[in-house]
């Protein structure tokens, strides 16, 4: 699973860029603000979701450009692309082999995982950030997970709106929405728990090394579709008063513990939290490769900046031969220990050169 060609058109600060990356390490270096992370963001949009920055589509179009943008890539078995038109800057277009497709269909072609500096505080932020992180991990193992999530959330929004706006809501319509939530919510929960179980087992079996090992668990709602449908029906008055749905898989939290210290990740040092997160991402990439036969594309933004030379070398050694890995940094010297062949680019003011 690798890109052999990437084309950016009016994306962020890149007017027209063409990259021909190799199958292994892809290293982008340059000063802060040069556009390195923009390239990683473009790659992240080739998977379902809003990309690694979760930005509005209109914000991705280049200032002074046409008003829309395009990101296109060549895979071994497909041509995929996404973007917007100037006349509809908030409507995402997806094409696979030239035909219109849904964003969720991208998961059948490509798995993309990322680690950015903004994620360093994931263990001390609200539970929603950890749920989104877990859903990204789950999507790489279960491509249908994104569709279940979007249908569950759509039904929940309708239910919340009815409970808020109608003094005497139609119970049959509510029951139909709750049945839809129960069906997709149970699938969501099952896929998440499967990911947590298999990833947790892999982490527990790994030897102690330079990257801290994490124990994973889900806290919150657990049950089958029938149990969720009952809970939703019984909670209508409560949810109407609260203005939101208070039970279901959208309320769970991913609990991460530092195994060696038996300490909650949120109580660990900043360096320990980064090591835990990096260990989870690396173990998950290996799990995806083993279970699907295709290594996901990894996007590691500024990952080497705060690692000492020993840990940088250990990271590069572990990543070697694990598929396509895109990394950014301000200095080429940070990546001198990258083993084997690597595709290296220098980024400056939106221009990309080898």
C-alpha atoms as a PDB file:
ATOM      1  CA  UNK A   1       0.000   0.000   0.000  1.00  0.00           C
ATOM      2  CA  UNK A   2       2.027   2.955  -1.275  1.00  0.00           C
ATOM      3  CA  UNK A   3       1.704   6.012  -3.475  1.00  0.00           C
ATOM      4  CA  UNK A   4       3.905   6.057  -6.551  1.00  0.00           C
ATOM      5  CA  UNK A   5       2.720   9.516  -7.648  1.00  0.00           C
ATOM      6  CA  UNK A   6       1.128  12.413  -5.771  1.00  0.00           C
ATOM      7  CA  UNK A   7      -0.199  15.567  -7.436  1.00  0.00           C
ATOM      8  CA  UNK A   8      -1.315  18.677  -5.539  1.00  0.00           C
ATOM      9  CA  UNK A   9      -3.242  21.412  -7.313  1.00  0.00           C
ATOM     10  CA  UNK A  10      -3.992  24.670  -5.492  1.00  0.00           C
ATOM     11  CA  UNK A  11      -3.720  22.842  -2.178  1.00  0.00           C
ATOM     12  CA  UNK A  12      -2.707  25.045   0.773  1.00  0.00           C
ATOM     13  CA  UNK A  13       0.504  26.808  -0.353  1.00  0.00           C
ATOM     14  CA  UNK A  14       1.222  24.359  -3.196  1.00  0.00           C
ATOM     15  CA  UNK A  15       0.056  25.691  -6.569  1.00  0.00           C
ATOM     16  CA  UNK A  16       1.126  22.688  -8.638  1.00  0.00           C
ATOM     17  CA  UNK A  17       3.335  19.992  -7.124  1.00  0.00           C
ATOM     18  CA  UNK A  18       4.173  16.523  -8.394  1.00  0.00           C
ATOM     19  CA  UNK A  19       5.968  13.973  -6.203  1.00  0.00           C
ATOM     20  CA  UNK A  20       7.166  10.525  -7.257  1.00  0.00           C
ATOM     21  CA  UNK A  21       7.859   8.799  -3.920  1.00  0.00           C
ATOM     22  CA  UNK A  22       9.450   5.408  -3.517  1.00  0.00           C
ATOM     23  CA  UNK A  23       7.794   2.583  -1.568  1.00  0.00           C
ATOM     24  CA  UNK A  24       9.734   3.081   1.692  1.00  0.00           C
ATOM     25  CA  UNK A  25      10.796   6.218   3.548  1.00  0.00           C
ATOM     26  CA  UNK A  26       9.737   9.601   2.160  1.00  0.00           C
ATOM     27  CA  UNK A  27      11.511  12.458   3.937  1.00  0.00           C
ATOM     28  CA  UNK A  28      10.474  16.101   3.599  1.00  0.00           C
ATOM     29  CA  UNK A  29      12.674  18.768   5.167  1.00  0.00           C
ATOM     30  CA  UNK A  30      12.486  22.530   5.232  1.00  0.00           C
ATOM     31  CA  UNK A  31      11.902  25.524   7.447  1.00  0.00           C
ATOM     32  CA  UNK A  32       8.766  25.934   9.531  1.00  0.00           C
ATOM     33  CA  UNK A  33       5.917  27.148   7.356  1.00  0.00           C
ATOM     34  CA  UNK A  34       7.465  25.851   4.123  1.00  0.00           C
ATOM     35  CA  UNK A  35       4.562  23.472   3.435  1.00  0.00           C
ATOM     36  CA  UNK A  36       5.842  20.094   4.678  1.00  0.00           C
ATOM     37  CA  UNK A  37       2.816  19.306   6.819  1.00  0.00           C
ATOM     38  CA  UNK A  38       0.566  20.423   3.967  1.00  0.00           C
ATOM     39  CA  UNK A  39       1.895  17.522   1.903  1.00  0.00           C
ATOM     40  CA  UNK A  40       1.113  15.068   4.716  1.00  0.00           C
ATOM     41  CA  UNK A  41      -2.353  16.576   5.054  1.00  0.00           C
ATOM     42  CA  UNK A  42      -2.939  16.043   1.338  1.00  0.00           C
ATOM     43  CA  UNK A  43      -2.041  12.352   1.693  1.00  0.00           C
ATOM     44  CA  UNK A  44      -4.326  12.037   4.723  1.00  0.00           C
ATOM     45  CA  UNK A  45      -7.263  13.227   2.591  1.00  0.00           C
ATOM     46  CA  UNK A  46      -6.887  10.125   0.429  1.00  0.00           C
ATOM     47  CA  UNK A  47      -8.568   8.206   3.276  1.00  0.00           C
ATOM     48  CA  UNK A  48     -12.066   8.803   4.701  1.00  0.00           C
ATOM     49  CA  UNK A  49     -12.467  11.692   7.101  1.00  0.00           C
ATOM     50  CA  UNK A  50     -11.361  15.299   7.331  1.00  0.00           C
ATOM     51  CA  UNK A  51      -7.626  14.727   7.281  1.00  0.00           C
ATOM     52  CA  UNK A  52      -4.967  15.165   9.905  1.00  0.00           C
ATOM     53  CA  UNK A  53      -5.864  18.791  10.655  1.00  0.00           C
ATOM     54  CA  UNK A  54      -9.657  18.263  10.581  1.00  0.00           C
ATOM     55  CA  UNK A  55      -9.874  21.566   8.708  1.00  0.00           C
ATOM     56  CA  UNK A  56     -12.765  22.934   6.677  1.00  0.00           C
ATOM     57  CA  UNK A  57     -12.470  22.106   2.991  1.00  0.00           C
ATOM     58  CA  UNK A  58     -12.603  25.766   1.987  1.00  0.00           C
ATOM     59  CA  UNK A  59      -9.531  26.456   4.141  1.00  0.00           C
ATOM     60  CA  UNK A  60      -7.466  23.948   2.140  1.00  0.00           C
ATOM     61  CA  UNK A  61      -7.783  25.837  -1.145  1.00  0.00           C
ATOM     62  CA  UNK A  62      -4.741  27.962  -1.981  1.00  0.00           C
ATOM     63  CA  UNK A  63      -5.111  31.672  -1.355  1.00  0.00           C
ATOM     64  CA  UNK A  64      -5.058  33.389  -4.724  1.00  0.00           C
ATOM     65  CA  UNK A  65      -5.894  30.137  -6.487  1.00  0.00           C
ATOM     66  CA  UNK A  66      -8.992  29.005  -8.328  1.00  0.00           C
ATOM     67  CA  UNK A  67     -11.061  28.596  -5.153  1.00  0.00           C
ATOM     68  CA  UNK A  68     -11.008  24.805  -5.264  1.00  0.00           C
ATOM     69  CA  UNK A  69      -8.224  22.254  -4.857  1.00  0.00           C
ATOM     70  CA  UNK A  70      -7.219  18.791  -6.002  1.00  0.00           C
ATOM     71  CA  UNK A  71      -5.201  15.914  -4.553  1.00  0.00           C
ATOM     72  CA  UNK A  72      -4.581  12.923  -6.825  1.00  0.00           C
ATOM     73  CA  UNK A  73      -2.475   9.810  -6.380  1.00  0.00           C
ATOM     74  CA  UNK A  74      -1.459   6.655  -8.163  1.00  0.00           C
ATOM     75  CA  UNK A  75      -1.550   3.336  -6.336  1.00  0.00           C
ATOM     76  CA  UNK A  76      -0.522  -0.039  -7.650  1.00  0.00           C
ATOM     77  CA  UNK A  77      -4.108  -0.909  -8.550  1.00  0.00           C
ATOM     78  CA  UNK A  78      -5.953   2.406  -8.736  1.00  0.00           C
ATOM     79  CA  UNK A  79      -5.977   6.112  -9.453  1.00  0.00           C
ATOM     80  CA  UNK A  80      -7.628   7.997  -6.610  1.00  0.00           C
ATOM     81  CA  UNK A  81      -8.295  11.649  -5.990  1.00  0.00           C
ATOM     82  CA  UNK A  82     -10.254  14.152  -3.958  1.00  0.00           C
ATOM     83  CA  UNK A  83     -10.859  17.869  -3.914  1.00  0.00           C
ATOM     84  CA  UNK A  84     -13.404  20.629  -4.378  1.00  0.00           C
ATOM     85  CA  UNK A  85     -14.743  22.802  -7.188  1.00  0.00           C
ATOM     86  CA  UNK A  86     -14.527  26.630  -6.972  1.00  0.00           C
ATOM     87  CA  UNK A  87     -18.315  26.951  -7.147  1.00  0.00           C
ATOM     88  CA  UNK A  88     -18.801  24.511  -4.240  1.00  0.00           C
ATOM     89  CA  UNK A  89     -15.778  24.873  -1.934  1.00  0.00           C
ATOM     90  CA  UNK A  90     -17.389  22.901   0.929  1.00  0.00           C
ATOM     91  CA  UNK A  91     -18.534  19.904  -1.136  1.00  0.00           C
ATOM     92  CA  UNK A  92     -15.938  17.162  -1.302  1.00  0.00           C
ATOM     93  CA  UNK A  93     -15.486  15.255  -4.545  1.00  0.00           C
ATOM     94  CA  UNK A  94     -13.928  11.779  -4.591  1.00  0.00           C
ATOM     95  CA  UNK A  95     -12.941   9.819  -7.688  1.00  0.00           C
ATOM     96  CA  UNK A  96     -11.586   6.298  -8.009  1.00  0.00           C
ATOM     97  CA  UNK A  97     -10.294   5.292 -11.437  1.00  0.00           C
ATOM     98  CA  UNK A  98     -12.065   8.293 -12.905  1.00  0.00           C
ATOM     99  CA  UNK A  99     -15.512   7.453 -11.519  1.00  0.00           C
ATOM    100  CA  UNK A 100     -17.315   9.352  -8.774  1.00  0.00           C
ATOM    101  CA  UNK A 101     -17.188   7.573  -5.432  1.00  0.00           C
ATOM    102  CA  UNK A 102     -18.004   8.132  -1.775  1.00  0.00           C
ATOM    103  CA  UNK A 103     -15.321   9.124   0.716  1.00  0.00           C
ATOM    104  CA  UNK A 104     -15.938   5.883   2.610  1.00  0.00           C
ATOM    105  CA  UNK A 105     -14.951   3.913  -0.516  1.00  0.00           C
ATOM    106  CA  UNK A 106     -11.396   5.202  -0.109  1.00  0.00           C
ATOM    107  CA  UNK A 107     -10.968   2.885   2.887  1.00  0.00           C
ATOM    108  CA  UNK A 108     -11.151  -0.092   0.518  1.00  0.00           C
ATOM    109  CA  UNK A 109      -8.101   1.216  -1.359  1.00  0.00           C
ATOM    110  CA  UNK A 110      -5.888   2.821   1.242  1.00  0.00           C
ATOM    111  CA  UNK A 111      -5.200   2.947   4.985  1.00  0.00           C
ATOM    112  CA  UNK A 112      -3.492   6.059   6.289  1.00  0.00           C
ATOM    113  CA  UNK A 113      -2.369   6.618   9.891  1.00  0.00           C
ATOM    114  CA  UNK A 114      -0.731   9.721  11.262  1.00  0.00           C
ATOM    115  CA  UNK A 115       1.021  11.189  14.250  1.00  0.00           C
ATOM    116  CA  UNK A 116       1.289  14.976  14.572  1.00  0.00           C
ATOM    117  CA  UNK A 117       2.548  17.349  17.274  1.00  0.00           C
ATOM    118  CA  UNK A 118      -1.074  18.368  17.913  1.00  0.00           C
ATOM    119  CA  UNK A 119      -1.770  14.822  19.109  1.00  0.00           C
ATOM    120  CA  UNK A 120       0.818  15.007  21.894  1.00  0.00           C
ATOM    121  CA  UNK A 121      -1.893  16.049  24.392  1.00  0.00           C
ATOM    122  CA  UNK A 122      -4.395  13.406  23.388  1.00  0.00           C
ATOM    123  CA  UNK A 123      -4.236  11.691  26.804  1.00  0.00           C
ATOM    124  CA  UNK A 124      -5.177  14.839  28.731  1.00  0.00           C
ATOM    125  CA  UNK A 125      -7.800  16.222  26.357  1.00  0.00           C
ATOM    126  CA  UNK A 126     -11.500  15.405  26.165  1.00  0.00           C
ATOM    127  CA  UNK A 127     -12.622  11.840  25.462  1.00  0.00           C
ATOM    128  CA  UNK A 128     -13.756  12.790  21.968  1.00  0.00           C
ATOM    129  CA  UNK A 129     -10.157  13.195  20.820  1.00  0.00           C
ATOM    130  CA  UNK A 130      -9.299   9.660  21.947  1.00  0.00           C
ATOM    131  CA  UNK A 131     -12.458   8.271  20.316  1.00  0.00           C
ATOM    132  CA  UNK A 132     -11.490   9.850  17.009  1.00  0.00           C
ATOM    133  CA  UNK A 133      -8.006   8.392  17.355  1.00  0.00           C
ATOM    134  CA  UNK A 134      -9.452   4.947  18.089  1.00  0.00           C
ATOM    135  CA  UNK A 135     -11.861   5.206  15.155  1.00  0.00           C
ATOM    136  CA  UNK A 136      -8.961   5.974  12.819  1.00  0.00           C
ATOM    137  CA  UNK A 137      -7.155   2.869  14.099  1.00  0.00           C
ATOM    138  CA  UNK A 138     -10.328   0.803  13.729  1.00  0.00           C
ATOM    139  CA  UNK A 139     -11.012   2.023  10.200  1.00  0.00           C
ATOM    140  CA  UNK A 140      -7.675   0.610   9.043  1.00  0.00           C
ATOM    141  CA  UNK A 141      -8.788  -2.848  10.222  1.00  0.00           C
ATOM    142  CA  UNK A 142     -12.488  -2.597   9.357  1.00  0.00           C
ATOM    143  CA  UNK A 143     -13.139  -0.404   6.271  1.00  0.00           C
ATOM    144  CA  UNK A 144     -16.907  -0.423   6.931  1.00  0.00           C
ATOM    145  CA  UNK A 145     -16.390   1.254  10.314  1.00  0.00           C
ATOM    146  CA  UNK A 146     -16.599   4.752   8.856  1.00  0.00           C
ATOM    147  CA  UNK A 147     -19.955   4.062   7.243  1.00  0.00           C
ATOM    148  CA  UNK A 148     -21.381   2.717  10.508  1.00  0.00           C
ATOM    149  CA  UNK A 149     -20.104   5.822  12.306  1.00  0.00           C
ATOM    150  CA  UNK A 150     -21.621   8.273   9.828  1.00  0.00           C
ATOM    151  CA  UNK A 151     -25.014   6.515   9.802  1.00  0.00           C
ATOM    152  CA  UNK A 152     -25.101   6.291  13.598  1.00  0.00           C
ATOM    153  CA  UNK A 153     -24.294   9.992  13.940  1.00  0.00           C
ATOM    154  CA  UNK A 154     -26.843  10.996  11.292  1.00  0.00           C
ATOM    155  CA  UNK A 155     -29.614   9.084  13.074  1.00  0.00           C
ATOM    156  CA  UNK A 156     -28.549  10.531  16.434  1.00  0.00           C
ATOM    157  CA  UNK A 157     -28.645  14.090  15.089  1.00  0.00           C
ATOM    158  CA  UNK A 158     -32.179  13.515  13.776  1.00  0.00           C
ATOM    159  CA  UNK A 159     -33.292  12.048  17.091  1.00  0.00           C
ATOM    160  CA  UNK A 160     -31.786  14.935  19.057  1.00  0.00           C
ATOM    161  CA  UNK A 161     -33.487  17.458  16.777  1.00  0.00           C
ATOM    162  CA  UNK A 162     -36.897  15.793  17.152  1.00  0.00           C
ATOM    163  CA  UNK A 163     -36.592  15.598  20.939  1.00  0.00           C
ATOM    164  CA  UNK A 164     -35.580  19.258  21.093  1.00  0.00           C
ATOM    165  CA  UNK A 165     -38.153  20.692  18.660  1.00  0.00           C
ATOM    166  CA  UNK A 166     -41.292  18.573  19.101  1.00  0.00           C
ATOM    167  CA  UNK A 167     -43.343  18.812  22.291  1.00  0.00           C
ATOM    168  CA  UNK A 168     -45.053  15.530  21.401  1.00  0.00           C
ATOM    169  CA  UNK A 169     -42.663  13.642  19.105  1.00  0.00           C
ATOM    170  CA  UNK A 170     -43.912  10.727  17.022  1.00  0.00           C
ATOM    171  CA  UNK A 171     -42.888   7.608  19.002  1.00  0.00           C
ATOM    172  CA  UNK A 172     -42.800   5.454  15.866  1.00  0.00           C
ATOM    173  CA  UNK A 173     -40.385   7.815  14.134  1.00  0.00           C
ATOM    174  CA  UNK A 174     -38.213   7.915  17.245  1.00  0.00           C
ATOM    175  CA  UNK A 175     -38.265   4.125  17.440  1.00  0.00           C
ATOM    176  CA  UNK A 176     -37.152   3.871  13.810  1.00  0.00           C
ATOM    177  CA  UNK A 177     -34.234   6.245  14.426  1.00  0.00           C
ATOM    178  CA  UNK A 178     -33.301   4.409  17.620  1.00  0.00           C
ATOM    179  CA  UNK A 179     -33.344   1.098  15.767  1.00  0.00           C
ATOM    180  CA  UNK A 180     -30.953   2.569  13.220  1.00  0.00           C
ATOM    181  CA  UNK A 181     -28.715   3.886  15.986  1.00  0.00           C
ATOM    182  CA  UNK A 182     -28.790   0.503  17.707  1.00  0.00           C
ATOM    183  CA  UNK A 183     -27.846  -1.385  14.547  1.00  0.00           C
ATOM    184  CA  UNK A 184     -24.916   0.850  13.617  1.00  0.00           C
ATOM    185  CA  UNK A 185     -23.944   1.584  17.219  1.00  0.00           C
ATOM    186  CA  UNK A 186     -23.549  -2.084  18.044  1.00  0.00           C
ATOM    187  CA  UNK A 187     -21.352  -2.534  14.958  1.00  0.00           C
ATOM    188  CA  UNK A 188     -19.280   0.492  15.998  1.00  0.00           C
ATOM    189  CA  UNK A 189     -18.775  -0.859  19.486  1.00  0.00           C
ATOM    190  CA  UNK A 190     -17.883  -4.354  18.312  1.00  0.00           C
ATOM    191  CA  UNK A 191     -15.262  -3.086  15.850  1.00  0.00           C
ATOM    192  CA  UNK A 192     -13.700  -0.772  18.417  1.00  0.00           C
ATOM    193  CA  UNK A 193     -13.479  -3.529  21.014  1.00  0.00           C
ATOM    194  CA  UNK A 194     -11.952  -5.906  18.486  1.00  0.00           C
ATOM    195  CA  UNK A 195      -9.285  -3.288  17.707  1.00  0.00           C
ATOM    196  CA  UNK A 196      -8.572  -2.632  21.387  1.00  0.00           C
ATOM    197  CA  UNK A 197      -8.336  -6.366  22.176  1.00  0.00           C
ATOM    198  CA  UNK A 198      -5.966  -7.263  19.335  1.00  0.00           C
ATOM    199  CA  UNK A 199      -3.854  -4.129  19.610  1.00  0.00           C
ATOM    200  CA  UNK A 200      -3.636  -4.483  23.391  1.00  0.00           C
ATOM    201  CA  UNK A 201      -2.492  -8.093  23.066  1.00  0.00           C
ATOM    202  CA  UNK A 202       0.194  -7.091  20.573  1.00  0.00           C
ATOM    203  CA  UNK A 203       1.450  -4.314  22.837  1.00  0.00           C
ATOM    204  CA  UNK A 204       1.527  -6.621  25.861  1.00  0.00           C
ATOM    205  CA  UNK A 205       3.606  -9.212  23.976  1.00  0.00           C
ATOM    206  CA  UNK A 206       6.263  -6.739  22.894  1.00  0.00           C
ATOM    207  CA  UNK A 207       9.533  -6.614  24.836  1.00  0.00           C
ATOM    208  CA  UNK A 208      10.482  -3.535  26.776  1.00  0.00           C
ATOM    209  CA  UNK A 209      12.347  -1.125  24.535  1.00  0.00           C
ATOM    210  CA  UNK A 210      12.820   2.552  23.814  1.00  0.00           C
ATOM    211  CA  UNK A 211       9.075   3.023  23.234  1.00  0.00           C
ATOM    212  CA  UNK A 212       6.806   2.660  26.258  1.00  0.00           C
ATOM    213  CA  UNK A 213       4.211  -0.119  26.140  1.00  0.00           C
ATOM    214  CA  UNK A 214       0.571   0.773  26.682  1.00  0.00           C
ATOM    215  CA  UNK A 215      -2.387  -1.153  28.056  1.00  0.00           C
ATOM    216  CA  UNK A 216      -5.683  -0.296  26.358  1.00  0.00           C
ATOM    217  CA  UNK A 217      -9.283  -0.496  27.517  1.00  0.00           C
ATOM    218  CA  UNK A 218     -12.660   1.005  26.644  1.00  0.00           C
ATOM    219  CA  UNK A 219     -14.673   2.721  29.360  1.00  0.00           C
ATOM    220  CA  UNK A 220     -18.345   3.461  28.982  1.00  0.00           C
ATOM    221  CA  UNK A 221     -21.265   1.932  27.132  1.00  0.00           C
ATOM    222  CA  UNK A 222     -21.072  -1.731  26.141  1.00  0.00           C
ATOM    223  CA  UNK A 223     -23.833  -3.927  24.824  1.00  0.00           C
ATOM    224  CA  UNK A 224     -25.714  -5.326  21.869  1.00  0.00           C
ATOM    225  CA  UNK A 225     -28.220  -3.653  19.572  1.00  0.00           C
ATOM    226  CA  UNK A 226     -31.249  -4.669  21.637  1.00  0.00           C
ATOM    227  CA  UNK A 227     -29.746  -3.215  24.819  1.00  0.00           C
ATOM    228  CA  UNK A 228     -28.962   0.073  23.102  1.00  0.00           C
ATOM    229  CA  UNK A 229     -32.441   0.356  21.584  1.00  0.00           C
ATOM    230  CA  UNK A 230     -33.996  -0.170  25.037  1.00  0.00           C
ATOM    231  CA  UNK A 231     -31.680   2.359  26.675  1.00  0.00           C
ATOM    232  CA  UNK A 232     -32.477   4.974  24.031  1.00  0.00           C
ATOM    233  CA  UNK A 233     -36.236   4.446  24.339  1.00  0.00           C
ATOM    234  CA  UNK A 234     -36.102   4.657  28.127  1.00  0.00           C
ATOM    235  CA  UNK A 235     -33.928   7.773  28.033  1.00  0.00           C
ATOM    236  CA  UNK A 236     -36.010   9.996  25.763  1.00  0.00           C
ATOM    237  CA  UNK A 237     -37.183  12.377  28.498  1.00  0.00           C
ATOM    238  CA  UNK A 238     -33.719  12.617  29.991  1.00  0.00           C
ATOM    239  CA  UNK A 239     -32.109  13.224  26.586  1.00  0.00           C
ATOM    240  CA  UNK A 240     -34.727  15.853  25.686  1.00  0.00           C
ATOM    241  CA  UNK A 241     -33.933  17.734  28.898  1.00  0.00           C
ATOM    242  CA  UNK A 242     -30.179  17.457  28.304  1.00  0.00           C
ATOM    243  CA  UNK A 243     -30.389  18.432  24.636  1.00  0.00           C
ATOM    244  CA  UNK A 244     -28.231  15.471  23.610  1.00  0.00           C
ATOM    245  CA  UNK A 245     -28.115  11.672  23.700  1.00  0.00           C
ATOM    246  CA  UNK A 246     -26.519  10.549  26.956  1.00  0.00           C
ATOM    247  CA  UNK A 247     -26.023   6.861  26.291  1.00  0.00           C
ATOM    248  CA  UNK A 248     -24.400   4.913  23.483  1.00  0.00           C
ATOM    249  CA  UNK A 249     -21.031   4.193  21.883  1.00  0.00           C
ATOM    250  CA  UNK A 250     -20.483   7.903  21.197  1.00  0.00           C
ATOM    251  CA  UNK A 251     -19.861   8.289  24.941  1.00  0.00           C
ATOM    252  CA  UNK A 252     -17.048   5.757  25.420  1.00  0.00           C
ATOM    253  CA  UNK A 253     -13.462   6.665  26.224  1.00  0.00           C
ATOM    254  CA  UNK A 254     -10.180   4.974  25.303  1.00  0.00           C
ATOM    255  CA  UNK A 255      -8.240   4.384  28.525  1.00  0.00           C
ATOM    256  CA  UNK A 256      -4.465   4.125  28.111  1.00  0.00           C
ATOM    257  CA  UNK A 257      -2.112   2.993  30.868  1.00  0.00           C
ATOM    258  CA  UNK A 258       1.696   2.958  30.976  1.00  0.00           C
ATOM    259  CA  UNK A 259       2.292  -0.772  31.486  1.00  0.00           C
ATOM    260  CA  UNK A 260       5.708  -0.634  33.118  1.00  0.00           C
ATOM    261  CA  UNK A 261       4.635   2.039  35.620  1.00  0.00           C
ATOM    262  CA  UNK A 262       0.989   0.949  35.972  1.00  0.00           C
ATOM    263  CA  UNK A 263       0.073   4.609  35.619  1.00  0.00           C
ATOM    264  CA  UNK A 264      -2.654   6.359  33.643  1.00  0.00           C
ATOM    265  CA  UNK A 265      -1.229   7.942  30.503  1.00  0.00           C
ATOM    266  CA  UNK A 266      -2.698  11.303  31.457  1.00  0.00           C
ATOM    267  CA  UNK A 267      -0.524  11.341  34.589  1.00  0.00           C
ATOM    268  CA  UNK A 268       2.716  10.489  32.750  1.00  0.00           C
ATOM    269  CA  UNK A 269       5.309  13.028  31.668  1.00  0.00           C
ATOM    270  CA  UNK A 270       5.051  14.703  28.278  1.00  0.00           C
ATOM    271  CA  UNK A 271       7.909  12.561  26.971  1.00  0.00           C
ATOM    272  CA  UNK A 272       6.303   9.367  28.265  1.00  0.00           C
ATOM    273  CA  UNK A 273       2.980  10.285  26.679  1.00  0.00           C
ATOM    274  CA  UNK A 274       4.649  10.814  23.296  1.00  0.00           C
ATOM    275  CA  UNK A 275       6.468   7.484  23.639  1.00  0.00           C
ATOM    276  CA  UNK A 276       3.192   5.723  24.505  1.00  0.00           C
ATOM    277  CA  UNK A 277       1.432   7.258  21.518  1.00  0.00           C
ATOM    278  CA  UNK A 278       4.264   6.397  19.172  1.00  0.00           C
ATOM    279  CA  UNK A 279       4.343   2.828  20.479  1.00  0.00           C
ATOM    280  CA  UNK A 280       0.596   2.461  19.864  1.00  0.00           C
ATOM    281  CA  UNK A 281       0.846   3.774  16.299  1.00  0.00           C
ATOM    282  CA  UNK A 282       3.802   1.525  15.444  1.00  0.00           C
ATOM    283  CA  UNK A 283       2.176  -1.583  16.927  1.00  0.00           C
ATOM    284  CA  UNK A 284      -1.065  -0.809  15.127  1.00  0.00           C
ATOM    285  CA  UNK A 285       0.668  -0.402  11.776  1.00  0.00           C
ATOM    286  CA  UNK A 286       2.229  -3.829  12.265  1.00  0.00           C
ATOM    287  CA  UNK A 287      -1.154  -5.289  13.260  1.00  0.00           C
ATOM    288  CA  UNK A 288      -2.801  -3.878  10.129  1.00  0.00           C
ATOM    289  CA  UNK A 289      -0.049  -5.316   7.926  1.00  0.00           C
ATOM    290  CA  UNK A 290      -0.381  -8.752   9.535  1.00  0.00           C
ATOM    291  CA  UNK A 291      -4.191  -8.874   9.384  1.00  0.00           C
ATOM    292  CA  UNK A 292      -4.764  -7.343   5.953  1.00  0.00           C
ATOM    293  CA  UNK A 293      -1.545  -8.194   4.149  1.00  0.00           C
ATOM    294  CA  UNK A 294      -1.048  -4.483   3.354  1.00  0.00           C
ATOM    295  CA  UNK A 295       1.010  -2.090   5.448  1.00  0.00           C
ATOM    296  CA  UNK A 296      -0.750   1.261   5.964  1.00  0.00           C
ATOM    297  CA  UNK A 297       0.841   4.515   4.902  1.00  0.00           C
ATOM    298  CA  UNK A 298       2.306   6.278   7.951  1.00  0.00           C
ATOM    299  CA  UNK A 299       2.480  10.063   8.201  1.00  0.00           C
ATOM    300  CA  UNK A 300       4.848  11.157  10.985  1.00  0.00           C
ATOM    301  CA  UNK A 301       4.983  14.931  11.309  1.00  0.00           C
ATOM    302  CA  UNK A 302       8.049  16.284  13.136  1.00  0.00           C
ATOM    303  CA  UNK A 303       8.435  12.868  14.788  1.00  0.00           C
ATOM    304  CA  UNK A 304      12.235  13.031  15.078  1.00  0.00           C
ATOM    305  CA  UNK A 305      12.509  16.530  16.518  1.00  0.00           C
ATOM    306  CA  UNK A 306      12.313  15.541  20.188  1.00  0.00           C
ATOM    307  CA  UNK A 307      13.987  12.128  20.017  1.00  0.00           C
ATOM    308  CA  UNK A 308      17.615  11.621  20.970  1.00  0.00           C
ATOM    309  CA  UNK A 309      19.886   9.935  18.373  1.00  0.00           C
ATOM    310  CA  UNK A 310      19.435   6.488  19.977  1.00  0.00           C
ATOM    311  CA  UNK A 311      15.649   6.662  19.853  1.00  0.00           C
ATOM    312  CA  UNK A 312      15.665   8.121  16.338  1.00  0.00           C
ATOM    313  CA  UNK A 313      17.793   5.235  15.108  1.00  0.00           C
ATOM    314  CA  UNK A 314      15.544   2.730  16.894  1.00  0.00           C
ATOM    315  CA  UNK A 315      12.466   4.311  15.331  1.00  0.00           C
ATOM    316  CA  UNK A 316      13.903   4.213  11.813  1.00  0.00           C
ATOM    317  CA  UNK A 317      15.044   0.612  12.262  1.00  0.00           C
ATOM    318  CA  UNK A 318      11.582  -0.461  13.387  1.00  0.00           C
ATOM    319  CA  UNK A 319       9.938   1.316  10.473  1.00  0.00           C
ATOM    320  CA  UNK A 320      12.273  -0.107   7.844  1.00  0.00           C
ATOM    321  CA  UNK A 321      10.470  -2.461   5.492  1.00  0.00           C
ATOM    322  CA  UNK A 322       7.082  -1.636   7.041  1.00  0.00           C
ATOM    323  CA  UNK A 323       5.636   0.113   4.012  1.00  0.00           C
ATOM    324  CA  UNK A 324       5.599   3.739   2.952  1.00  0.00           C
ATOM    325  CA  UNK A 325       6.488   6.153   5.757  1.00  0.00           C
ATOM    326  CA  UNK A 326       6.309   9.918   5.232  1.00  0.00           C
ATOM    327  CA  UNK A 327       8.303  12.007   7.726  1.00  0.00           C
ATOM    328  CA  UNK A 328       8.897  15.725   8.078  1.00  0.00           C
ATOM    329  CA  UNK A 329      11.593  17.712   9.874  1.00  0.00           C
ATOM    330  CA  UNK A 330      13.396  21.011   9.738  1.00  0.00           C
ATOM    331  CA  UNK A 331      16.881  19.568   9.253  1.00  0.00           C
ATOM    332  CA  UNK A 332      18.092  16.800   6.903  1.00  0.00           C
ATOM    333  CA  UNK A 333      20.542  15.706   9.617  1.00  0.00           C
ATOM    334  CA  UNK A 334      17.636  14.378  11.687  1.00  0.00           C
ATOM    335  CA  UNK A 335      17.196  11.618   9.111  1.00  0.00           C
ATOM    336  CA  UNK A 336      20.799  10.613   8.497  1.00  0.00           C
ATOM    337  CA  UNK A 337      20.184   7.271  10.257  1.00  0.00           C
ATOM    338  CA  UNK A 338      17.310   6.293   7.951  1.00  0.00           C
ATOM    339  CA  UNK A 339      18.347   2.859   6.615  1.00  0.00           C
ATOM    340  CA  UNK A 340      18.329   1.879   2.949  1.00  0.00           C
ATOM    341  CA  UNK A 341      16.936   3.930   0.113  1.00  0.00           C
ATOM    342  CA  UNK A 342      14.739   6.915   0.925  1.00  0.00           C
ATOM    343  CA  UNK A 343      13.007   9.490  -1.250  1.00  0.00           C
ATOM    344  CA  UNK A 344      14.104  12.894   0.005  1.00  0.00           C
ATOM    345  CA  UNK A 345      12.519  16.250  -0.780  1.00  0.00           C
ATOM    346  CA  UNK A 346      13.397  19.800   0.181  1.00  0.00           C
ATOM    347  CA  UNK A 347      10.355  22.034   0.695  1.00  0.00           C
ATOM    348  CA  UNK A 348      10.580  25.832   0.528  1.00  0.00           C
ATOM    349  CA  UNK A 349       7.730  28.321   0.100  1.00  0.00           C
ATOM    350  CA  UNK A 350       5.433  25.752  -1.455  1.00  0.00           C
ATOM    351  CA  UNK A 351       8.048  24.499  -3.904  1.00  0.00           C
ATOM    352  CA  UNK A 352       9.215  20.892  -3.648  1.00  0.00           C
ATOM    353  CA  UNK A 353      12.575  19.742  -4.979  1.00  0.00           C
ATOM    354  CA  UNK A 354      14.535  16.517  -4.717  1.00  0.00           C
END
